[in-house]
Amino acid sequence: MTELRQNMATKEWVVIASERAKRPDDYADAQEPVIPESEPTHDPDCPFCPGNEELDLEIVRMPSTGLWQTRVVRNKYPALSESTQLTRTFDGVHRLLSGVGYHEILVEHPLHNTTLALMTPAEIEVMLETFYERGWSIRSDSRIEQIIYFKNHGEQAGASLRHPHSQIIGLPVVPTDIRHRIEEARRYFDDNGECVFCIMMRDELEKGERLVAVSEHFVAFTLYASPSPFHIWILPRQHSVSFLYSQSEEMADLARILQEVMQRLFVGLRDPAYNLIIRSAPVKEISNDYLHWYVTIVPRVSRTAGFELGSGMFINPSLPEDCAEFLRKVKI
């Protein structure tokens, strides 16, 4: 029977269309997947491969000497410019800000043919530490209000280059969608005296039916009101408003659970395209009690159409409980 479910953290409604529900394994790519190990480890035309570095764009590398494990470079075609002066113009119904901000590329690994699912936890930890270091550096710029950390994997998710990489964008505003989530979290906290994300996480741990993986510091689960198949959140068990407050042991544990989740998706769905986002508090609002940072993973195995655009609601033709069970059973 079709259900409408609501995400209590965002108040967004989704339609779980069980009448047209697919089996979880129906979302695996029907085409023969590309085996990364069969691809070249180095591409002479790839700007992210060792030996092809555009050093004039480089911001930092880790480690700073010898062979690098990760690098951060300025986007060659940035959406925003850090050298632009921040100006604001208000004219009736016209509101304008200059395009100030940061747009950086995090090259995740020297190998051209690897991916998060095939990297070691130690390698993923270095990637996360690079996010962390750049986050603190960008935060020091008083013009910046919000930092977005994200990864596009595969053409359907918007990736234009094969080499494993992520992006970091620093914005001079807090986007409306993020502001809406903040207001809902604050409203729930005011009404109930507790973080809605903490309550959701406890509920998932108690029920267990949507859990994908559990570690010492993190819990990964498909959302009760998943807007799309295999939509996963990874929440820190310890209440924390910002990714930038993560401790070293938490970073190492996040790398381990992230690798496990990505391996389950890689094997179970044959390396699907996906978007990964670290959702963290605005840089000037990291001292409140009602926000809770987390990682979102959205495999691109379904499409949005007119209903979604017209209503703002999503139709999910899969049961989140079935998706979680399928991933738990994947042999990695």
C-alpha atoms as a PDB file:
ATOM      1  CA  MET A   1       0.000   0.000   0.000  1.00  0.00           C
ATOM      2  CA  THR A   2       1.293   3.466  -0.906  1.00  0.00           C
ATOM      3  CA  GLU A   3       2.353   5.604   2.081  1.00  0.00           C
ATOM      4  CA  LEU A   4       3.226   9.242   2.638  1.00  0.00           C
ATOM      5  CA  ARG A   5       6.088   9.527   5.101  1.00  0.00           C
ATOM      6  CA  GLN A   6       7.540  12.666   6.660  1.00  0.00           C
ATOM      7  CA  ASN A   7      11.141  13.361   7.606  1.00  0.00           C
ATOM      8  CA  MET A   8      10.852  14.905  11.083  1.00  0.00           C
ATOM      9  CA  ALA A   9      14.155  16.770  10.731  1.00  0.00           C
ATOM     10  CA  THR A  10      13.253  18.568   7.501  1.00  0.00           C
ATOM     11  CA  LYS A  11       9.424  18.229   7.519  1.00  0.00           C
ATOM     12  CA  GLU A  12       9.632  17.039   3.906  1.00  0.00           C
ATOM     13  CA  TRP A  13       6.992  14.574   2.723  1.00  0.00           C
ATOM     14  CA  VAL A  14       7.772  11.698   0.366  1.00  0.00           C
ATOM     15  CA  VAL A  15       5.541   9.171  -1.368  1.00  0.00           C
ATOM     16  CA  ILE A  16       6.658   5.573  -0.768  1.00  0.00           C
ATOM     17  CA  ALA A  17       4.971   3.972  -3.778  1.00  0.00           C
ATOM     18  CA  SER A  18       5.012   0.344  -2.649  1.00  0.00           C
ATOM     19  CA  GLU A  19       2.464  -0.553  -5.334  1.00  0.00           C
ATOM     20  CA  ARG A  20       5.162   0.019  -7.928  1.00  0.00           C
ATOM     21  CA  ALA A  21       8.037  -1.002  -5.660  1.00  0.00           C
ATOM     22  CA  LYS A  22      11.077  -2.547  -7.268  1.00  0.00           C
ATOM     23  CA  ARG A  23      13.279  -5.170  -5.684  1.00  0.00           C
ATOM     24  CA  PRO A  24      16.493  -3.550  -4.411  1.00  0.00           C
ATOM     25  CA  ASP A  25      18.658  -5.560  -6.818  1.00  0.00           C
ATOM     26  CA  ASP A  26      16.637  -4.135  -9.737  1.00  0.00           C
ATOM     27  CA  TYR A  27      18.588  -0.907  -9.235  1.00  0.00           C
ATOM     28  CA  ALA A  28      21.929  -2.526 -10.053  1.00  0.00           C
ATOM     29  CA  ASP A  29      23.250  -1.271 -13.372  1.00  0.00           C
ATOM     30  CA  ALA A  30      22.058  -3.702 -16.033  1.00  0.00           C
ATOM     31  CA  GLN A  31      25.110  -2.954 -18.147  1.00  0.00           C
ATOM     32  CA  GLU A  32      28.376  -4.705 -17.460  1.00  0.00           C
ATOM     33  CA  PRO A  33      30.075  -2.451 -14.902  1.00  0.00           C
ATOM     34  CA  VAL A  34      33.508  -1.022 -15.542  1.00  0.00           C
ATOM     35  CA  ILE A  35      36.044  -2.765 -13.340  1.00  0.00           C
ATOM     36  CA  PRO A  36      38.314  -0.001 -11.987  1.00  0.00           C
ATOM     37  CA  GLU A  37      41.287  -2.359 -11.686  1.00  0.00           C
ATOM     38  CA  SER A  38      41.095  -2.941 -15.449  1.00  0.00           C
ATOM     39  CA  GLU A  39      41.465   0.773 -16.181  1.00  0.00           C
ATOM     40  CA  PRO A  40      44.834   2.567 -16.330  1.00  0.00           C
ATOM     41  CA  THR A  41      46.200   3.867 -13.023  1.00  0.00           C
ATOM     42  CA  HIS A  42      47.476   6.975 -14.806  1.00  0.00           C
ATOM     43  CA  ASP A  43      46.009   9.095 -17.588  1.00  0.00           C
ATOM     44  CA  PRO A  44      48.512  11.359 -19.378  1.00  0.00           C
ATOM     45  CA  ASP A  45      45.692  13.793 -20.186  1.00  0.00           C
ATOM     46  CA  CYS A  46      44.215  13.949 -16.671  1.00  0.00           C
ATOM     47  CA  PRO A  47      45.046  17.174 -14.787  1.00  0.00           C
ATOM     48  CA  PHE A  48      44.742  15.365 -11.437  1.00  0.00           C
ATOM     49  CA  CYS A  49      47.225  12.550 -12.130  1.00  0.00           C
ATOM     50  CA  PRO A  50      50.777  12.759 -10.699  1.00  0.00           C
ATOM     51  CA  GLY A  51      53.114  14.450 -13.144  1.00  0.00           C
ATOM     52  CA  ASN A  52      50.311  16.549 -14.647  1.00  0.00           C
ATOM     53  CA  GLU A  53      49.878  18.867 -11.665  1.00  0.00           C
ATOM     54  CA  GLU A  54      49.027  22.478 -12.480  1.00  0.00           C
ATOM     55  CA  LEU A  55      51.088  23.898  -9.651  1.00  0.00           C
ATOM     56  CA  ASP A  56      49.835  27.450 -10.134  1.00  0.00           C
ATOM     57  CA  LEU A  57      46.389  26.228  -9.017  1.00  0.00           C
ATOM     58  CA  GLU A  58      47.602  24.193  -6.041  1.00  0.00           C
ATOM     59  CA  ILE A  59      46.597  25.330  -2.551  1.00  0.00           C
ATOM     60  CA  VAL A  60      47.879  22.505  -0.369  1.00  0.00           C
ATOM     61  CA  ARG A  61      48.975  18.879  -0.545  1.00  0.00           C
ATOM     62  CA  MET A  62      49.134  16.154   2.095  1.00  0.00           C
ATOM     63  CA  PRO A  63      51.763  15.259   3.024  1.00  0.00           C
ATOM     64  CA  SER A  64      53.477  18.511   2.164  1.00  0.00           C
ATOM     65  CA  THR A  65      56.686  16.809   0.995  1.00  0.00           C
ATOM     66  CA  GLY A  66      57.372  13.684  -1.025  1.00  0.00           C
ATOM     67  CA  LEU A  67      54.640  11.755  -2.808  1.00  0.00           C
ATOM     68  CA  TRP A  68      51.250  13.336  -2.176  1.00  0.00           C
ATOM     69  CA  GLN A  69      48.184  11.443  -0.987  1.00  0.00           C
ATOM     70  CA  THR A  70      45.671  14.282  -1.481  1.00  0.00           C
ATOM     71  CA  ARG A  71      45.873  17.697  -3.095  1.00  0.00           C
ATOM     72  CA  VAL A  72      43.604  20.741  -3.034  1.00  0.00           C
ATOM     73  CA  VAL A  73      43.590  22.947  -6.118  1.00  0.00           C
ATOM     74  CA  ARG A  74      41.574  25.932  -7.202  1.00  0.00           C
ATOM     75  CA  ASN A  75      38.850  25.065  -9.683  1.00  0.00           C
ATOM     76  CA  LYS A  76      40.036  26.111 -13.127  1.00  0.00           C
ATOM     77  CA  TYR A  77      36.519  27.359 -13.903  1.00  0.00           C
ATOM     78  CA  PRO A  78      35.271  28.491 -10.475  1.00  0.00           C
ATOM     79  CA  ALA A  79      31.676  29.346  -9.702  1.00  0.00           C
ATOM     80  CA  LEU A  80      32.939  31.918  -7.167  1.00  0.00           C
ATOM     81  CA  SER A  81      36.081  34.002  -6.701  1.00  0.00           C
ATOM     82  CA  GLU A  82      37.931  34.556  -3.429  1.00  0.00           C
ATOM     83  CA  SER A  83      39.582  37.709  -4.802  1.00  0.00           C
ATOM     84  CA  THR A  84      36.250  39.451  -5.445  1.00  0.00           C
ATOM     85  CA  GLN A  85      35.153  42.230  -3.100  1.00  0.00           C
ATOM     86  CA  LEU A  86      31.924  41.493  -1.211  1.00  0.00           C
ATOM     87  CA  THR A  87      29.266  43.993  -2.244  1.00  0.00           C
ATOM     88  CA  ARG A  88      25.507  43.957  -1.648  1.00  0.00           C
ATOM     89  CA  THR A  89      22.877  45.671  -3.766  1.00  0.00           C
ATOM     90  CA  PHE A  90      19.195  45.975  -2.846  1.00  0.00           C
ATOM     91  CA  ASP A  91      16.868  47.604  -5.357  1.00  0.00           C
ATOM     92  CA  GLY A  92      13.189  46.897  -4.851  1.00  0.00           C
ATOM     93  CA  VAL A  93      12.686  43.235  -5.769  1.00  0.00           C
ATOM     94  CA  HIS A  94      16.267  42.928  -7.039  1.00  0.00           C
ATOM     95  CA  ARG A  95      18.838  41.671  -4.556  1.00  0.00           C
ATOM     96  CA  LEU A  96      22.429  41.080  -5.629  1.00  0.00           C
ATOM     97  CA  LEU A  97      25.675  39.945  -4.020  1.00  0.00           C
ATOM     98  CA  SER A  98      29.011  39.867  -5.768  1.00  0.00           C
ATOM     99  CA  GLY A  99      30.241  36.350  -6.550  1.00  0.00           C
ATOM    100  CA  VAL A 100      32.729  36.108  -3.712  1.00  0.00           C
ATOM    101  CA  GLY A 101      33.627  32.718  -2.302  1.00  0.00           C
ATOM    102  CA  TYR A 102      35.797  29.642  -2.651  1.00  0.00           C
ATOM    103  CA  HIS A 103      35.588  26.828  -5.190  1.00  0.00           C
ATOM    104  CA  GLU A 104      38.219  24.170  -4.642  1.00  0.00           C
ATOM    105  CA  ILE A 105      38.884  20.638  -5.866  1.00  0.00           C
ATOM    106  CA  LEU A 106      40.118  17.964  -3.476  1.00  0.00           C
ATOM    107  CA  VAL A 107      42.021  15.301  -5.445  1.00  0.00           C
ATOM    108  CA  GLU A 108      41.384  12.258  -3.279  1.00  0.00           C
ATOM    109  CA  HIS A 109      44.096   9.862  -4.434  1.00  0.00           C
ATOM    110  CA  PRO A 110      47.061   9.664  -6.841  1.00  0.00           C
ATOM    111  CA  LEU A 111      45.548   6.661  -8.674  1.00  0.00           C
ATOM    112  CA  HIS A 112      43.337   7.551 -11.616  1.00  0.00           C
ATOM    113  CA  ASN A 113      41.250   4.359 -11.442  1.00  0.00           C
ATOM    114  CA  THR A 114      40.304   4.094  -7.775  1.00  0.00           C
ATOM    115  CA  THR A 115      37.194   5.157  -5.858  1.00  0.00           C
ATOM    116  CA  LEU A 116      36.102   5.468  -2.217  1.00  0.00           C
ATOM    117  CA  ALA A 117      34.890   1.855  -2.153  1.00  0.00           C
ATOM    118  CA  LEU A 118      38.356   0.638  -3.143  1.00  0.00           C
ATOM    119  CA  MET A 119      40.420   2.994  -1.007  1.00  0.00           C
ATOM    120  CA  THR A 120      41.665   1.932   2.430  1.00  0.00           C
ATOM    121  CA  PRO A 121      40.212   3.529   5.570  1.00  0.00           C
ATOM    122  CA  ALA A 122      43.585   5.213   6.135  1.00  0.00           C
ATOM    123  CA  GLU A 123      43.425   6.814   2.675  1.00  0.00           C
ATOM    124  CA  ILE A 124      39.844   7.985   3.221  1.00  0.00           C
ATOM    125  CA  GLU A 125      40.888   9.404   6.588  1.00  0.00           C
ATOM    126  CA  VAL A 126      43.509  11.573   4.870  1.00  0.00           C
ATOM    127  CA  MET A 127      40.813  12.817   2.502  1.00  0.00           C
ATOM    128  CA  LEU A 128      38.538  13.711   5.441  1.00  0.00           C
ATOM    129  CA  GLU A 129      41.413  15.428   7.251  1.00  0.00           C
ATOM    130  CA  THR A 130      42.022  17.519   4.126  1.00  0.00           C
ATOM    131  CA  PHE A 131      38.341  18.539   4.118  1.00  0.00           C
ATOM    132  CA  TYR A 132      38.746  19.438   7.794  1.00  0.00           C
ATOM    133  CA  GLU A 133      41.901  21.535   7.283  1.00  0.00           C
ATOM    134  CA  ARG A 134      40.450  23.430   4.332  1.00  0.00           C
ATOM    135  CA  GLY A 135      37.194  23.959   6.208  1.00  0.00           C
ATOM    136  CA  TRP A 136      38.944  25.693   9.089  1.00  0.00           C
ATOM    137  CA  SER A 137      41.011  27.787   6.685  1.00  0.00           C
ATOM    138  CA  ILE A 138      37.987  28.947   4.657  1.00  0.00           C
ATOM    139  CA  ARG A 139      36.024  29.593   7.851  1.00  0.00           C
ATOM    140  CA  SER A 140      38.591  32.212   8.862  1.00  0.00           C
ATOM    141  CA  ASP A 141      37.405  34.415   5.984  1.00  0.00           C
ATOM    142  CA  SER A 142      34.746  36.678   7.518  1.00  0.00           C
ATOM    143  CA  ARG A 143      32.921  36.930   4.178  1.00  0.00           C
ATOM    144  CA  ILE A 144      32.022  33.232   4.228  1.00  0.00           C
ATOM    145  CA  GLU A 145      28.762  32.022   5.786  1.00  0.00           C
ATOM    146  CA  GLN A 146      28.465  28.396   4.626  1.00  0.00           C
ATOM    147  CA  ILE A 147      30.865  25.675   3.479  1.00  0.00           C
ATOM    148  CA  ILE A 148      29.601  22.864   1.253  1.00  0.00           C
ATOM    149  CA  TYR A 149      31.674  19.672   1.041  1.00  0.00           C
ATOM    150  CA  PHE A 150      30.515  17.299  -1.688  1.00  0.00           C
ATOM    151  CA  LYS A 151      31.480  14.563  -4.128  1.00  0.00           C
ATOM    152  CA  ASN A 152      29.919  13.728  -7.502  1.00  0.00           C
ATOM    153  CA  HIS A 153      30.679  10.201  -8.692  1.00  0.00           C
ATOM    154  CA  GLY A 154      29.638   9.144 -12.193  1.00  0.00           C
ATOM    155  CA  GLU A 155      28.128  11.066 -15.079  1.00  0.00           C
ATOM    156  CA  GLN A 156      24.563  10.796 -13.756  1.00  0.00           C
ATOM    157  CA  ALA A 157      25.711  12.512 -10.565  1.00  0.00           C
ATOM    158  CA  GLY A 158      27.414  15.358 -12.421  1.00  0.00           C
ATOM    159  CA  ALA A 159      31.051  14.204 -12.454  1.00  0.00           C
ATOM    160  CA  SER A 160      32.930  15.334 -15.558  1.00  0.00           C
ATOM    161  CA  LEU A 161      36.298  13.736 -14.721  1.00  0.00           C
ATOM    162  CA  ARG A 162      37.035  10.093 -13.893  1.00  0.00           C
ATOM    163  CA  HIS A 163      39.873  10.745 -11.426  1.00  0.00           C
ATOM    164  CA  PRO A 164      38.531  10.506  -7.834  1.00  0.00           C
ATOM    165  CA  HIS A 165      37.895  13.997  -6.534  1.00  0.00           C
ATOM    166  CA  SER A 166      35.566  16.052  -4.339  1.00  0.00           C
ATOM    167  CA  GLN A 167      34.740  19.736  -4.152  1.00  0.00           C
ATOM    168  CA  ILE A 168      34.625  22.424  -1.477  1.00  0.00           C
ATOM    169  CA  ILE A 169      32.596  25.600  -1.952  1.00  0.00           C
ATOM    170  CA  GLY A 170      32.554  28.527   0.457  1.00  0.00           C
ATOM    171  CA  LEU A 171      29.481  30.759   0.089  1.00  0.00           C
ATOM    172  CA  PRO A 172      28.792  34.326   1.265  1.00  0.00           C
ATOM    173  CA  VAL A 173      25.215  33.321   2.143  1.00  0.00           C
ATOM    174  CA  VAL A 174      23.433  30.434   3.860  1.00  0.00           C
ATOM    175  CA  PRO A 175      21.311  28.797   1.113  1.00  0.00           C
ATOM    176  CA  THR A 176      17.535  28.736   1.585  1.00  0.00           C
ATOM    177  CA  ASP A 177      17.370  24.937   1.800  1.00  0.00           C
ATOM    178  CA  ILE A 178      19.948  24.879   4.596  1.00  0.00           C
ATOM    179  CA  ARG A 179      18.250  27.787   6.383  1.00  0.00           C
ATOM    180  CA  HIS A 180      14.950  25.878   6.218  1.00  0.00           C
ATOM    181  CA  ARG A 181      16.588  22.816   7.805  1.00  0.00           C
ATOM    182  CA  ILE A 182      18.048  24.994  10.555  1.00  0.00           C
ATOM    183  CA  GLU A 183      14.662  26.534  11.349  1.00  0.00           C
ATOM    184  CA  GLU A 184      12.975  23.119  11.518  1.00  0.00           C
ATOM    185  CA  ALA A 185      15.705  21.790  13.832  1.00  0.00           C
ATOM    186  CA  ARG A 186      15.372  24.848  16.057  1.00  0.00           C
ATOM    187  CA  ARG A 187      11.587  24.522  16.138  1.00  0.00           C
ATOM    188  CA  TYR A 188      11.772  20.857  17.154  1.00  0.00           C
ATOM    189  CA  PHE A 189      14.338  21.647  19.859  1.00  0.00           C
ATOM    190  CA  ASP A 190      12.160  24.467  21.229  1.00  0.00           C
ATOM    191  CA  ASP A 191       9.122  22.154  21.345  1.00  0.00           C
ATOM    192  CA  ASN A 192      10.838  19.036  22.715  1.00  0.00           C
ATOM    193  CA  GLY A 193      14.068  20.168  24.359  1.00  0.00           C
ATOM    194  CA  GLU A 194      16.140  17.689  22.352  1.00  0.00           C
ATOM    195  CA  CYS A 195      17.916  17.404  19.004  1.00  0.00           C
ATOM    196  CA  VAL A 196      15.642  15.815  16.383  1.00  0.00           C
ATOM    197  CA  PHE A 197      18.601  14.101  14.728  1.00  0.00           C
ATOM    198  CA  CYS A 198      19.603  12.432  18.005  1.00  0.00           C
ATOM    199  CA  ILE A 199      16.038  11.150  18.430  1.00  0.00           C
ATOM    200  CA  MET A 200      15.928   9.846  14.852  1.00  0.00           C
ATOM    201  CA  MET A 201      19.249   8.055  15.345  1.00  0.00           C
ATOM    202  CA  ARG A 202      18.110   6.412  18.596  1.00  0.00           C
ATOM    203  CA  ASP A 203      14.942   5.254  16.864  1.00  0.00           C
ATOM    204  CA  GLU A 204      16.947   3.674  14.045  1.00  0.00           C
ATOM    205  CA  LEU A 205      19.223   1.895  16.534  1.00  0.00           C
ATOM    206  CA  GLU A 206      16.233   0.561  18.479  1.00  0.00           C
ATOM    207  CA  LYS A 207      14.302  -0.663  15.433  1.00  0.00           C
ATOM    208  CA  GLY A 208      17.307  -1.829  13.431  1.00  0.00           C
ATOM    209  CA  GLU A 209      15.329  -2.414  10.227  1.00  0.00           C
ATOM    210  CA  ARG A 210      16.872   0.479   8.296  1.00  0.00           C
ATOM    211  CA  LEU A 211      20.438   0.176   9.621  1.00  0.00           C
ATOM    212  CA  VAL A 212      23.170  -0.267   7.022  1.00  0.00           C
ATOM    213  CA  ALA A 213      26.265  -0.144   9.262  1.00  0.00           C
ATOM    214  CA  VAL A 214      27.106   0.767  12.851  1.00  0.00           C
ATOM    215  CA  SER A 215      30.476   1.726  14.337  1.00  0.00           C
ATOM    216  CA  GLU A 216      31.796   3.091  17.602  1.00  0.00           C
ATOM    217  CA  HIS A 217      31.122   6.730  16.700  1.00  0.00           C
ATOM    218  CA  PHE A 218      28.675   6.618  13.749  1.00  0.00           C
ATOM    219  CA  VAL A 219      25.386   5.116  12.582  1.00  0.00           C
ATOM    220  CA  ALA A 220      24.507   4.641   8.881  1.00  0.00           C
ATOM    221  CA  PHE A 221      20.880   4.047   7.882  1.00  0.00           C
ATOM    222  CA  THR A 222      18.384   4.505   5.069  1.00  0.00           C
ATOM    223  CA  LEU A 223      15.892   7.230   5.939  1.00  0.00           C
ATOM    224  CA  TYR A 224      12.397   6.296   7.083  1.00  0.00           C
ATOM    225  CA  ALA A 225      11.175   8.937   4.623  1.00  0.00           C
ATOM    226  CA  SER A 226      13.785   8.337   1.921  1.00  0.00           C
ATOM    227  CA  PRO A 227      13.158  10.600  -1.077  1.00  0.00           C
ATOM    228  CA  SER A 228      14.961   8.113  -3.347  1.00  0.00           C
ATOM    229  CA  PRO A 229      16.169   4.482  -3.272  1.00  0.00           C
ATOM    230  CA  PHE A 230      19.173   3.782  -1.014  1.00  0.00           C
ATOM    231  CA  HIS A 231      19.212   7.343   0.359  1.00  0.00           C
ATOM    232  CA  ILE A 232      21.594   7.051   3.338  1.00  0.00           C
ATOM    233  CA  TRP A 233      22.503   9.241   6.286  1.00  0.00           C
ATOM    234  CA  ILE A 234      25.623   8.708   8.419  1.00  0.00           C
ATOM    235  CA  LEU A 235      25.245  10.457  11.786  1.00  0.00           C
ATOM    236  CA  PRO A 236      27.809  10.870  14.567  1.00  0.00           C
ATOM    237  CA  ARG A 237      26.555   9.217  17.760  1.00  0.00           C
ATOM    238  CA  GLN A 238      27.895  12.105  19.827  1.00  0.00           C
ATOM    239  CA  HIS A 239      25.794  15.235  19.345  1.00  0.00           C
ATOM    240  CA  SER A 240      27.822  17.769  17.381  1.00  0.00           C
ATOM    241  CA  VAL A 241      26.699  20.689  15.219  1.00  0.00           C
ATOM    242  CA  SER A 242      29.701  20.888  12.920  1.00  0.00           C
ATOM    243  CA  PHE A 243      32.017  18.584  11.018  1.00  0.00           C
ATOM    244  CA  LEU A 244      34.761  21.013  12.059  1.00  0.00           C
ATOM    245  CA  TYR A 245      34.402  19.833  15.677  1.00  0.00           C
ATOM    246  CA  SER A 246      35.350  16.233  14.771  1.00  0.00           C
ATOM    247  CA  GLN A 247      38.075  14.613  16.863  1.00  0.00           C
ATOM    248  CA  SER A 248      40.857  12.477  15.377  1.00  0.00           C
ATOM    249  CA  GLU A 249      39.350   9.195  16.614  1.00  0.00           C
ATOM    250  CA  GLU A 250      35.999  10.177  15.100  1.00  0.00           C
ATOM    251  CA  MET A 251      37.626  10.993  11.768  1.00  0.00           C
ATOM    252  CA  ALA A 252      39.297   7.578  11.682  1.00  0.00           C
ATOM    253  CA  ASP A 253      36.022   5.850  12.550  1.00  0.00           C
ATOM    254  CA  LEU A 254      34.109   7.842   9.929  1.00  0.00           C
ATOM    255  CA  ALA A 255      36.633   6.680   7.331  1.00  0.00           C
ATOM    256  CA  ARG A 256      35.997   3.047   8.300  1.00  0.00           C
ATOM    257  CA  ILE A 257      32.194   3.205   8.203  1.00  0.00           C
ATOM    258  CA  LEU A 258      32.240   5.313   5.031  1.00  0.00           C
ATOM    259  CA  GLN A 259      34.384   2.710   3.299  1.00  0.00           C
ATOM    260  CA  GLU A 260      32.020  -0.063   4.409  1.00  0.00           C
ATOM    261  CA  VAL A 261      28.918   1.756   3.164  1.00  0.00           C
ATOM    262  CA  MET A 262      30.561   2.630  -0.150  1.00  0.00           C
ATOM    263  CA  GLN A 263      31.718  -0.968  -0.618  1.00  0.00           C
ATOM    264  CA  ARG A 264      28.186  -2.254  -0.049  1.00  0.00           C
ATOM    265  CA  LEU A 265      26.851   0.174  -2.671  1.00  0.00           C
ATOM    266  CA  PHE A 266      29.720  -0.602  -5.045  1.00  0.00           C
ATOM    267  CA  VAL A 267      29.192  -4.360  -4.913  1.00  0.00           C
ATOM    268  CA  GLY A 268      25.419  -4.437  -4.480  1.00  0.00           C
ATOM    269  CA  LEU A 269      24.537  -1.830  -7.125  1.00  0.00           C
ATOM    270  CA  ARG A 270      27.600  -2.291  -9.374  1.00  0.00           C
ATOM    271  CA  ASP A 271      29.329   1.013  -8.735  1.00  0.00           C
ATOM    272  CA  PRO A 272      26.344   3.377  -9.036  1.00  0.00           C
ATOM    273  CA  ALA A 273      26.635   7.087  -9.693  1.00  0.00           C
ATOM    274  CA  TYR A 274      26.080   8.983  -6.445  1.00  0.00           C
ATOM    275  CA  ASN A 275      26.346  12.308  -4.667  1.00  0.00           C
ATOM    276  CA  LEU A 276      27.925  12.537  -1.235  1.00  0.00           C
ATOM    277  CA  ILE A 277      27.475  15.653   0.902  1.00  0.00           C
ATOM    278  CA  ILE A 278      28.743  16.592   4.359  1.00  0.00           C
ATOM    279  CA  ARG A 279      25.905  18.638   5.872  1.00  0.00           C
ATOM    280  CA  SER A 280      27.364  20.890   8.537  1.00  0.00           C
ATOM    281  CA  ALA A 281      26.248  24.032  10.383  1.00  0.00           C
ATOM    282  CA  PRO A 282      26.892  27.499   8.942  1.00  0.00           C
ATOM    283  CA  VAL A 283      30.360  28.654   9.971  1.00  0.00           C
ATOM    284  CA  LYS A 284      28.967  31.408  12.220  1.00  0.00           C
ATOM    285  CA  GLU A 285      26.395  29.171  13.887  1.00  0.00           C
ATOM    286  CA  ILE A 286      28.490  26.365  15.357  1.00  0.00           C
ATOM    287  CA  SER A 287      27.617  26.985  19.007  1.00  0.00           C
ATOM    288  CA  ASN A 288      23.933  25.998  19.081  1.00  0.00           C
ATOM    289  CA  ASP A 289      22.339  22.866  20.562  1.00  0.00           C
ATOM    290  CA  TYR A 290      19.778  21.948  17.924  1.00  0.00           C
ATOM    291  CA  LEU A 291      21.807  21.161  14.787  1.00  0.00           C
ATOM    292  CA  HIS A 292      23.606  17.863  14.169  1.00  0.00           C
ATOM    293  CA  TRP A 293      26.032  17.395  11.273  1.00  0.00           C
ATOM    294  CA  TYR A 294      25.898  14.292   9.096  1.00  0.00           C
ATOM    295  CA  VAL A 295      26.897  12.734   5.780  1.00  0.00           C
ATOM    296  CA  THR A 296      24.307  12.148   3.034  1.00  0.00           C
ATOM    297  CA  ILE A 297      24.821   9.589   0.270  1.00  0.00           C
ATOM    298  CA  VAL A 298      22.368   9.686  -2.641  1.00  0.00           C
ATOM    299  CA  PRO A 299      22.809   6.960  -5.287  1.00  0.00           C
ATOM    300  CA  ARG A 300      21.475   8.189  -8.647  1.00  0.00           C
ATOM    301  CA  VAL A 301      19.382   5.144  -9.454  1.00  0.00           C
ATOM    302  CA  SER A 302      16.063   6.943 -10.064  1.00  0.00           C
ATOM    303  CA  ARG A 303      14.960  10.124 -11.817  1.00  0.00           C
ATOM    304  CA  THR A 304      12.932  13.172 -10.875  1.00  0.00           C
ATOM    305  CA  ALA A 305      10.146  14.368 -13.170  1.00  0.00           C
ATOM    306  CA  GLY A 306       7.207  16.749 -13.343  1.00  0.00           C
ATOM    307  CA  PHE A 307       5.546  15.699 -10.083  1.00  0.00           C
ATOM    308  CA  GLU A 308       8.719  16.298  -8.089  1.00  0.00           C
ATOM    309  CA  LEU A 309       9.299  19.670  -9.736  1.00  0.00           C
ATOM    310  CA  GLY A 310       5.676  20.703  -9.310  1.00  0.00           C
ATOM    311  CA  SER A 311       5.165  19.569  -5.723  1.00  0.00           C
ATOM    312  CA  GLY A 312       8.590  19.562  -4.090  1.00  0.00           C
ATOM    313  CA  MET A 313       7.770  15.997  -3.010  1.00  0.00           C
ATOM    314  CA  PHE A 314       9.536  12.867  -4.218  1.00  0.00           C
ATOM    315  CA  ILE A 315       8.077   9.532  -5.228  1.00  0.00           C
ATOM    316  CA  ASN A 316      10.277   6.694  -4.017  1.00  0.00           C
ATOM    317  CA  PRO A 317       9.448   3.361  -5.708  1.00  0.00           C
ATOM    318  CA  SER A 318      11.338   1.364  -3.081  1.00  0.00           C
ATOM    319  CA  LEU A 319      10.933   0.537   0.590  1.00  0.00           C
ATOM    320  CA  PRO A 320      13.781   1.968   2.689  1.00  0.00           C
ATOM    321  CA  GLU A 321      13.620  -1.118   4.920  1.00  0.00           C
ATOM    322  CA  ASP A 322      14.193  -3.406   1.910  1.00  0.00           C
ATOM    323  CA  CYS A 323      17.076  -1.274   0.641  1.00  0.00           C
ATOM    324  CA  ALA A 324      18.809  -1.419   4.035  1.00  0.00           C
ATOM    325  CA  GLU A 325      18.328  -5.184   4.309  1.00  0.00           C
ATOM    326  CA  PHE A 326      19.721  -5.647   0.791  1.00  0.00           C
ATOM    327  CA  LEU A 327      22.862  -3.634   1.635  1.00  0.00           C
ATOM    328  CA  ARG A 328      23.392  -5.455   4.939  1.00  0.00           C
ATOM    329  CA  LYS A 329      23.400  -8.773   3.063  1.00  0.00           C
ATOM    330  CA  VAL A 330      25.913  -7.658   0.432  1.00  0.00           C
ATOM    331  CA  LYS A 331      29.128  -9.643   0.824  1.00  0.00           C
ATOM    332  CA  ILE A 332      32.135  -7.323   0.852  1.00  0.00           C
END
